[in-house]
Amino acid sequence: MTSISTVYDPIHRRLVDDDSSDEEKRIWCIVSYSSELHNFNQFIHMFHFFIPFLMNITSSLIIIILSMKASRKIHKDLSIYQILREEIEQHRHLLVSPFILVILSLPRMIISFVGGCMQSNRSPWIYLIGYLTSFVPPMLTFVVFVLPSNLYKEEFRKTMTYYRQAIRKRMCNTQR
């Protein structure tokens, strides 16, 4: 869905050779959008920023509510607020991680709305650092979601053990 929603972007890009200086030959990647497409592009950036956050928060709340209902059946002597507090404490990582990912995605969001041209050779570092920072949230998904959760961590260990054994088994079969 992400690829389909941004398929218009490469179509509207073009490369321009800059021969204005003999010492510095540059190739610029220029994006030309109509005003409607520019508005659509901004909407898509906001959509890709907020929808995953809302989905993560919603699913976290659903998990907490369902766990709370199950605990309520078991612990009838506890009040609903005590059960809610316990469930929030147990699933805190599910509530914290979407906010961490939003904070880490902010540089990409800001750069997508603050367009500009580079005026000198020193200025590209700001854009490059911001661009590379935008890759941090996807790279931290494992750290933010899997490591804090005992259930996910255990499933990860089981999966890694399974694949290690499968690889060893194939290695032994090929050596024979």
Foldseek 3Di string as FASTA:
>chain_A
DLCVLCVVFVVQWDWDWDPPDVVDIDIDIDGDDDPVVLVSLLVSLVCVLVVVLVVLQVVLVVVLVVQLVVVCVVCVVDDSVVSSVVSCVQSVLSNVLSVVLNVLQVLVSVDSVDDDDDDDPVPVVVVVVSVVSNCVSVVCPCVSPQVVHPVSVVVVVVVVVVVVVVVVVVVVVVVD
